[in-house]
Amino acid sequence: IEVSPEDQFKTAFTTPWATFAYSRMPFGLTNAGTTFQRAMDLAFKVMMGK
């Protein structure tokens, strides 16, 4: 799941070598499960009869 370019700075972290920011959601984050479920619900909406 992609992180919006305007929100990537929120995922930034610094190491001794460089500063990095995620362009895709790392699934170790707290709400990743909720976001993944929302994406799957949207993807399979037609099959679920909603």
N, C-alpha and C. Protein backbone atom coordinates (compact mmCIF):
# COMPACT_ATOMS: atom_id res chain seq x y z
N ILE A 1 0.86 -1.17 0.00
CA ILE A 1 0.00 0.00 0.00
C ILE A 1 0.91 1.23 0.00
N GLU A 2 0.70 2.08 -0.99
CA GLU A 2 1.56 3.25 -1.13
C GLU A 2 1.22 4.33 -0.10
N VAL A 3 2.26 5.03 0.34
CA VAL A 3 2.10 6.19 1.21
C VAL A 3 2.06 7.41 0.30
N SER A 4 1.11 8.28 0.50
CA SER A 4 1.00 9.49 -0.32
C SER A 4 2.30 10.29 -0.23
N PRO A 5 2.77 10.85 -1.34
CA PRO A 5 4.02 11.62 -1.31
C PRO A 5 4.01 12.73 -0.27
N GLU A 6 2.86 13.38 -0.07
CA GLU A 6 2.81 14.47 0.91
C GLU A 6 2.85 13.96 2.35
N ASP A 7 2.66 12.66 2.57
CA ASP A 7 2.70 12.09 3.92
C ASP A 7 3.97 11.28 4.21
N GLN A 8 4.84 11.12 3.22
CA GLN A 8 6.03 10.30 3.41
C GLN A 8 6.94 10.85 4.50
N PHE A 9 6.99 12.16 4.67
CA PHE A 9 7.86 12.73 5.71
C PHE A 9 7.45 12.25 7.10
N LYS A 10 6.20 11.87 7.28
CA LYS A 10 5.72 11.38 8.57
C LYS A 10 6.30 10.02 8.92
N THR A 11 6.81 9.28 7.93
CA THR A 11 7.37 7.96 8.16
C THR A 11 8.89 7.99 8.24
N ALA A 12 9.48 9.18 8.17
CA ALA A 12 10.93 9.31 8.11
C ALA A 12 11.61 8.87 9.40
N PHE A 13 12.81 8.31 9.22
CA PHE A 13 13.66 7.94 10.35
C PHE A 13 15.10 8.15 9.93
N THR A 14 15.97 8.36 10.91
CA THR A 14 17.37 8.65 10.65
C THR A 14 18.25 7.54 11.19
N THR A 15 19.25 7.18 10.41
CA THR A 15 20.27 6.22 10.83
C THR A 15 21.61 6.95 10.81
N PRO A 16 22.67 6.32 11.27
CA PRO A 16 23.98 6.98 11.19
C PRO A 16 24.42 7.27 9.75
N TRP A 17 23.82 6.62 8.77
CA TRP A 17 24.24 6.75 7.38
C TRP A 17 23.37 7.69 6.57
N ALA A 18 22.09 7.81 6.89
CA ALA A 18 21.19 8.63 6.07
C ALA A 18 19.83 8.77 6.74
N THR A 19 18.97 9.58 6.14
CA THR A 19 17.58 9.70 6.56
C THR A 19 16.73 9.02 5.49
N PHE A 20 15.78 8.22 5.94
CA PHE A 20 14.93 7.46 5.03
C PHE A 20 13.47 7.75 5.32
N ALA A 21 12.62 7.58 4.30
CA ALA A 21 11.17 7.69 4.46
C ALA A 21 10.54 6.59 3.62
N TYR A 22 9.49 6.00 4.14
CA TYR A 22 8.81 4.92 3.43
C TYR A 22 7.97 5.46 2.29
N SER A 23 8.02 4.79 1.14
CA SER A 23 7.13 5.13 0.03
C SER A 23 5.96 4.13 -0.02
N ARG A 24 6.13 3.01 0.67
CA ARG A 24 5.07 2.02 0.84
C ARG A 24 4.95 1.72 2.32
N MET A 25 3.76 1.39 2.76
CA MET A 25 3.51 1.18 4.18
C MET A 25 4.22 -0.08 4.70
N PRO A 26 5.05 0.08 5.73
CA PRO A 26 5.65 -1.10 6.36
C PRO A 26 4.59 -1.73 7.25
N PHE A 27 4.40 -3.03 7.16
CA PHE A 27 3.30 -3.65 7.88
C PHE A 27 3.60 -3.90 9.35
N GLY A 28 4.69 -3.33 9.87
CA GLY A 28 4.95 -3.38 11.30
C GLY A 28 4.27 -2.24 12.04
N LEU A 29 3.68 -1.32 11.31
CA LEU A 29 3.03 -0.17 11.94
C LEU A 29 1.71 -0.58 12.60
N THR A 30 1.32 0.13 13.61
CA THR A 30 0.16 -0.21 14.41
C THR A 30 -1.13 -0.36 13.61
N ASN A 31 -1.43 0.58 12.74
CA ASN A 31 -2.70 0.55 12.01
C ASN A 31 -2.61 -0.16 10.67
N ALA A 32 -1.51 -0.83 10.40
CA ALA A 32 -1.34 -1.48 9.11
C ALA A 32 -2.41 -2.54 8.88
N GLY A 33 -2.77 -3.28 9.90
CA GLY A 33 -3.81 -4.30 9.76
C GLY A 33 -5.14 -3.70 9.35
N THR A 34 -5.49 -2.60 9.96
CA THR A 34 -6.73 -1.90 9.64
C THR A 34 -6.70 -1.38 8.21
N THR A 35 -5.59 -0.79 7.82
CA THR A 35 -5.45 -0.26 6.47
C THR A 35 -5.50 -1.38 5.45
N PHE A 36 -4.82 -2.49 5.73
CA PHE A 36 -4.83 -3.64 4.83
C PHE A 36 -6.25 -4.19 4.69
N GLN A 37 -6.98 -4.31 5.80
CA GLN A 37 -8.35 -4.83 5.75
C GLN A 37 -9.24 -3.91 4.94
N ARG A 38 -9.08 -2.60 5.11
CA ARG A 38 -9.88 -1.64 4.35
C ARG A 38 -9.59 -1.80 2.86
N ALA A 39 -8.31 -1.98 2.50
CA ALA A 39 -7.94 -2.16 1.09
C ALA A 39 -8.54 -3.45 0.53
N MET A 40 -8.52 -4.53 1.31
CA MET A 40 -9.08 -5.80 0.85
C MET A 40 -10.60 -5.72 0.73
N ASP A 41 -11.24 -5.04 1.68
CA ASP A 41 -12.70 -4.85 1.60
C ASP A 41 -13.07 -4.10 0.33
N LEU A 42 -12.29 -3.07 0.01
CA LEU A 42 -12.55 -2.30 -1.20
C LEU A 42 -12.30 -3.15 -2.45
N ALA A 43 -11.22 -3.92 -2.44
CA ALA A 43 -10.87 -4.74 -3.61
C ALA A 43 -11.91 -5.83 -3.88
N PHE A 44 -12.46 -6.42 -2.81
CA PHE A 44 -13.40 -7.53 -2.96
C PHE A 44 -14.85 -7.15 -2.72
N LYS A 45 -15.14 -5.85 -2.74
CA LYS A 45 -16.48 -5.34 -2.46
C LYS A 45 -17.54 -5.99 -3.34
N VAL A 46 -17.26 -6.15 -4.61
CA VAL A 46 -18.22 -6.74 -5.55
C VAL A 46 -18.51 -8.18 -5.18
N MET A 47 -17.50 -8.94 -4.82
CA MET A 47 -17.68 -10.36 -4.49
C MET A 47 -18.39 -10.57 -3.16
N MET A 48 -18.27 -9.59 -2.24
CA MET A 48 -18.88 -9.73 -0.93
C MET A 48 -20.34 -9.30 -0.93
N GLY A 49 -20.83 -8.78 -2.04
CA GLY A 49 -22.23 -8.40 -2.14
C GLY A 49 -22.60 -7.14 -1.41
N LYS A 50 -21.64 -6.25 -1.19
CA LYS A 50 -21.94 -5.00 -0.49
C LYS A 50 -22.34 -3.94 -1.49
